[in-house]
Amino acid sequence: YTVLIVAALAAIYGFYLFNKGVPSVESMNTDIEITASELLESYENDEAKSDEKFLDKVIEVSGEIQKIERQDGKSTVYLDTGNMMSTIICQFEEGVDTSSLTENQRLKVKGLCTGYLMDVVLVRCIIV
C-alpha cells in the first residue's frame, strides 16, 4: 500500500506542477535595462558574449516603435534600432492591451530575451 500512496502523491504533485503555469514577466525582477540600438549592437559585435549576458534574462528595452502587428489577440511590436535590416521583436503576452500604441511612439517593454537571428527577440513582453 505504501507504494500506491507514494505513486498517487507523486501523480498529484506532477499534475499540480503541470497546471501551475508560467509566471508572468511582470512579477519577475529586471536583470538589465538597455536601449534597442544598444541591444542590437551588442549582438552584432559578439553574439556569444551577448547570449551570456542577455539570453533567458528579463530585460527592459526602450526604443521607438517601427511597426505593430496584431493577430488573434496577440501583439508583436518591432522596435527601431537604427539598422534597416534588424529590429527588436517584442512578442506580447496574450491579453496585454496594446491598442493605445502607435508607430513612431517611444516605448519601454519588459520581456524575456530568446536570442538573435537577424533580429533580437523578446517574448512574454509587457509595457513598462
C-alpha atoms as a PDB file:
ATOM      1  CA  TYR A   1       0.000   0.000   0.000  1.00  0.00           C
ATOM      2  CA  THR A   2       2.886   2.369   0.694  1.00  0.00           C
ATOM      3  CA  VAL A   3       3.973   2.196  -2.938  1.00  0.00           C
ATOM      4  CA  LEU A   4       0.478   3.079  -4.118  1.00  0.00           C
ATOM      5  CA  ILE A   5       0.248   6.043  -1.745  1.00  0.00           C
ATOM      6  CA  VAL A   6       3.655   7.365  -2.852  1.00  0.00           C
ATOM      7  CA  ALA A   7       2.708   6.883  -6.520  1.00  0.00           C
ATOM      8  CA  ALA A   8      -0.610   8.701  -6.002  1.00  0.00           C
ATOM      9  CA  LEU A   9       1.096  11.614  -4.216  1.00  0.00           C
ATOM     10  CA  ALA A  10       3.705  11.834  -6.983  1.00  0.00           C
ATOM     11  CA  ALA A  11       0.956  11.885  -9.622  1.00  0.00           C
ATOM     12  CA  ILE A  12      -0.944  14.618  -7.782  1.00  0.00           C
ATOM     13  CA  TYR A  13       2.214  16.717  -7.408  1.00  0.00           C
ATOM     14  CA  GLY A  14       3.063  16.213 -11.099  1.00  0.00           C
ATOM     15  CA  PHE A  15      -0.456  17.296 -12.081  1.00  0.00           C
ATOM     16  CA  TYR A  16      -0.087  20.396  -9.893  1.00  0.00           C
ATOM     17  CA  LEU A  17       3.248  21.367 -11.486  1.00  0.00           C
ATOM     18  CA  PHE A  18       1.893  20.770 -14.996  1.00  0.00           C
ATOM     19  CA  ASN A  19      -1.100  23.057 -14.406  1.00  0.00           C
ATOM     20  CA  LYS A  20       0.761  25.687 -12.380  1.00  0.00           C
ATOM     21  CA  GLY A  21       1.630  27.709 -15.484  1.00  0.00           C
ATOM     22  CA  VAL A  22       4.469  30.066 -16.244  1.00  0.00           C
ATOM     23  CA  PRO A  23       4.981  33.125 -14.020  1.00  0.00           C
ATOM     24  CA  SER A  24       4.257  36.485 -15.608  1.00  0.00           C
ATOM     25  CA  VAL A  25       7.223  38.616 -16.618  1.00  0.00           C
ATOM     26  CA  GLU A  26       5.552  41.414 -14.642  1.00  0.00           C
ATOM     27  CA  SER A  27       6.326  39.612 -11.382  1.00  0.00           C
ATOM     28  CA  MET A  28       9.961  38.930 -12.323  1.00  0.00           C
ATOM     29  CA  ASN A  29      12.873  41.217 -11.469  1.00  0.00           C
ATOM     30  CA  THR A  30      14.533  43.042 -14.358  1.00  0.00           C
ATOM     31  CA  ASP A  31      18.089  41.837 -14.971  1.00  0.00           C
ATOM     32  CA  ILE A  32      19.163  44.529 -17.462  1.00  0.00           C
ATOM     33  CA  GLU A  33      17.893  47.861 -18.848  1.00  0.00           C
ATOM     34  CA  ILE A  34      19.098  48.821 -22.321  1.00  0.00           C
ATOM     35  CA  THR A  35      18.064  50.705 -25.464  1.00  0.00           C
ATOM     36  CA  ALA A  36      17.008  48.876 -28.623  1.00  0.00           C
ATOM     37  CA  SER A  37      20.032  50.112 -30.578  1.00  0.00           C
ATOM     38  CA  GLU A  38      22.476  49.142 -27.792  1.00  0.00           C
ATOM     39  CA  LEU A  39      20.975  45.637 -27.574  1.00  0.00           C
ATOM     40  CA  LEU A  40      21.264  45.025 -31.313  1.00  0.00           C
ATOM     41  CA  GLU A  41      24.777  46.500 -31.427  1.00  0.00           C
ATOM     42  CA  SER A  42      25.863  44.153 -28.644  1.00  0.00           C
ATOM     43  CA  TYR A  43      24.619  41.121 -30.584  1.00  0.00           C
ATOM     44  CA  GLU A  44      26.152  42.325 -33.857  1.00  0.00           C
ATOM     45  CA  ASN A  45      29.542  42.815 -32.189  1.00  0.00           C
ATOM     46  CA  ASP A  46      29.701  39.500 -30.270  1.00  0.00           C
ATOM     47  CA  GLU A  47      26.737  37.130 -30.351  1.00  0.00           C
ATOM     48  CA  ALA A  48      28.236  34.562 -27.959  1.00  0.00           C
ATOM     49  CA  LYS A  49      29.084  37.166 -25.317  1.00  0.00           C
ATOM     50  CA  SER A  50      25.665  38.789 -25.742  1.00  0.00           C
ATOM     51  CA  ASP A  51      23.933  35.423 -25.283  1.00  0.00           C
ATOM     52  CA  GLU A  52      25.789  35.027 -21.981  1.00  0.00           C
ATOM     53  CA  LYS A  53      24.598  38.469 -20.915  1.00  0.00           C
ATOM     54  CA  PHE A  54      21.004  38.542 -22.258  1.00  0.00           C
ATOM     55  CA  LEU A  55      19.742  35.052 -23.200  1.00  0.00           C
ATOM     56  CA  ASP A  56      16.901  33.849 -20.941  1.00  0.00           C
ATOM     57  CA  LYS A  57      17.175  37.065 -18.904  1.00  0.00           C
ATOM     58  CA  VAL A  58      14.369  39.518 -18.157  1.00  0.00           C
ATOM     59  CA  ILE A  59      15.340  42.780 -19.801  1.00  0.00           C
ATOM     60  CA  GLU A  60      13.763  46.195 -20.238  1.00  0.00           C
ATOM     61  CA  VAL A  61      14.292  47.664 -23.690  1.00  0.00           C
ATOM     62  CA  SER A  62      13.401  51.194 -24.722  1.00  0.00           C
ATOM     63  CA  GLY A  63      13.038  52.422 -28.257  1.00  0.00           C
ATOM     64  CA  GLU A  64      10.772  53.820 -30.923  1.00  0.00           C
ATOM     65  CA  ILE A  65       8.027  51.648 -32.396  1.00  0.00           C
ATOM     66  CA  GLN A  66       8.742  50.876 -36.038  1.00  0.00           C
ATOM     67  CA  LYS A  67       5.769  48.564 -36.693  1.00  0.00           C
ATOM     68  CA  ILE A  68       2.899  46.875 -34.826  1.00  0.00           C
ATOM     69  CA  GLU A  69       1.196  43.610 -35.777  1.00  0.00           C
ATOM     70  CA  ARG A  70      -1.965  42.375 -34.065  1.00  0.00           C
ATOM     71  CA  GLN A  71      -3.383  38.912 -34.699  1.00  0.00           C
ATOM     72  CA  ASP A  72      -5.584  36.505 -32.728  1.00  0.00           C
ATOM     73  CA  GLY A  73      -5.458  38.602 -29.541  1.00  0.00           C
ATOM     74  CA  LYS A  74      -1.665  38.785 -29.563  1.00  0.00           C
ATOM     75  CA  SER A  75       0.541  41.723 -30.494  1.00  0.00           C
ATOM     76  CA  THR A  76       4.058  41.971 -31.831  1.00  0.00           C
ATOM     77  CA  VAL A  77       5.895  45.289 -31.715  1.00  0.00           C
ATOM     78  CA  TYR A  78       9.068  45.969 -33.679  1.00  0.00           C
ATOM     79  CA  LEU A  79      11.437  48.499 -32.097  1.00  0.00           C
ATOM     80  CA  ASP A  80      13.662  50.593 -34.349  1.00  0.00           C
ATOM     81  CA  THR A  81      17.386  50.015 -33.879  1.00  0.00           C
ATOM     82  CA  GLY A  82      18.737  52.431 -36.464  1.00  0.00           C
ATOM     83  CA  ASN A  83      19.615  49.406 -38.633  1.00  0.00           C
ATOM     84  CA  MET A  84      17.311  48.899 -41.631  1.00  0.00           C
ATOM     85  CA  MET A  85      17.955  45.135 -41.612  1.00  0.00           C
ATOM     86  CA  SER A  86      17.319  44.338 -37.930  1.00  0.00           C
ATOM     87  CA  THR A  87      14.854  45.222 -35.185  1.00  0.00           C
ATOM     88  CA  ILE A  88      13.976  44.192 -31.664  1.00  0.00           C
ATOM     89  CA  ILE A  89      10.897  41.960 -31.917  1.00  0.00           C
ATOM     90  CA  CYS A  90       8.677  42.194 -28.830  1.00  0.00           C
ATOM     91  CA  GLN A  91       6.026  39.494 -28.611  1.00  0.00           C
ATOM     92  CA  PHE A  92       3.420  40.499 -26.043  1.00  0.00           C
ATOM     93  CA  GLU A  93       1.656  38.173 -23.657  1.00  0.00           C
ATOM     94  CA  GLU A  94      -1.909  37.374 -24.603  1.00  0.00           C
ATOM     95  CA  GLY A  95      -4.304  39.843 -23.038  1.00  0.00           C
ATOM     96  CA  VAL A  96      -1.827  42.753 -22.896  1.00  0.00           C
ATOM     97  CA  ASP A  97      -3.665  45.795 -24.270  1.00  0.00           C
ATOM     98  CA  THR A  98      -1.553  47.401 -26.988  1.00  0.00           C
ATOM     99  CA  SER A  99      -4.413  49.326 -28.617  1.00  0.00           C
ATOM    100  CA  SER A 100      -3.007  52.705 -27.499  1.00  0.00           C
ATOM    101  CA  LEU A 101       0.396  52.056 -29.127  1.00  0.00           C
ATOM    102  CA  THR A 102       1.239  53.778 -32.407  1.00  0.00           C
ATOM    103  CA  GLU A 103       4.163  53.755 -34.805  1.00  0.00           C
ATOM    104  CA  ASN A 104       6.978  56.229 -34.004  1.00  0.00           C
ATOM    105  CA  GLN A 105       5.940  56.261 -30.325  1.00  0.00           C
ATOM    106  CA  ARG A 106       8.670  55.817 -27.689  1.00  0.00           C
ATOM    107  CA  LEU A 107       8.129  52.678 -25.649  1.00  0.00           C
ATOM    108  CA  LYS A 108       9.749  50.669 -22.874  1.00  0.00           C
ATOM    109  CA  VAL A 109       8.979  46.960 -22.728  1.00  0.00           C
ATOM    110  CA  LYS A 110       9.965  44.209 -20.336  1.00  0.00           C
ATOM    111  CA  GLY A 111      10.407  40.711 -21.695  1.00  0.00           C
ATOM    112  CA  LEU A 112      12.417  37.523 -21.772  1.00  0.00           C
ATOM    113  CA  CYS A 113      15.255  37.528 -24.323  1.00  0.00           C
ATOM    114  CA  THR A 114      15.300  34.407 -26.525  1.00  0.00           C
ATOM    115  CA  GLY A 115      18.293  35.385 -28.643  1.00  0.00           C
ATOM    116  CA  TYR A 116      19.270  36.709 -32.039  1.00  0.00           C
ATOM    117  CA  LEU A 117      18.930  35.648 -35.647  1.00  0.00           C
ATOM    118  CA  MET A 118      18.581  38.726 -37.817  1.00  0.00           C
ATOM    119  CA  ASP A 119      16.584  40.394 -35.056  1.00  0.00           C
ATOM    120  CA  VAL A 120      16.711  40.186 -31.262  1.00  0.00           C
ATOM    121  CA  VAL A 121      13.549  38.535 -29.924  1.00  0.00           C
ATOM    122  CA  LEU A 122      11.818  39.215 -26.598  1.00  0.00           C
ATOM    123  CA  VAL A 123       8.846  37.074 -25.579  1.00  0.00           C
ATOM    124  CA  ARG A 124       6.138  37.367 -22.911  1.00  0.00           C
ATOM    125  CA  CYS A 125       6.506  41.156 -23.092  1.00  0.00           C
ATOM    126  CA  ILE A 126       4.630  43.749 -21.083  1.00  0.00           C
ATOM    127  CA  ILE A 127       4.593  47.543 -21.325  1.00  0.00           C
ATOM    128  CA  VAL A 128       6.616  49.228 -18.587  1.00  0.00           C
END
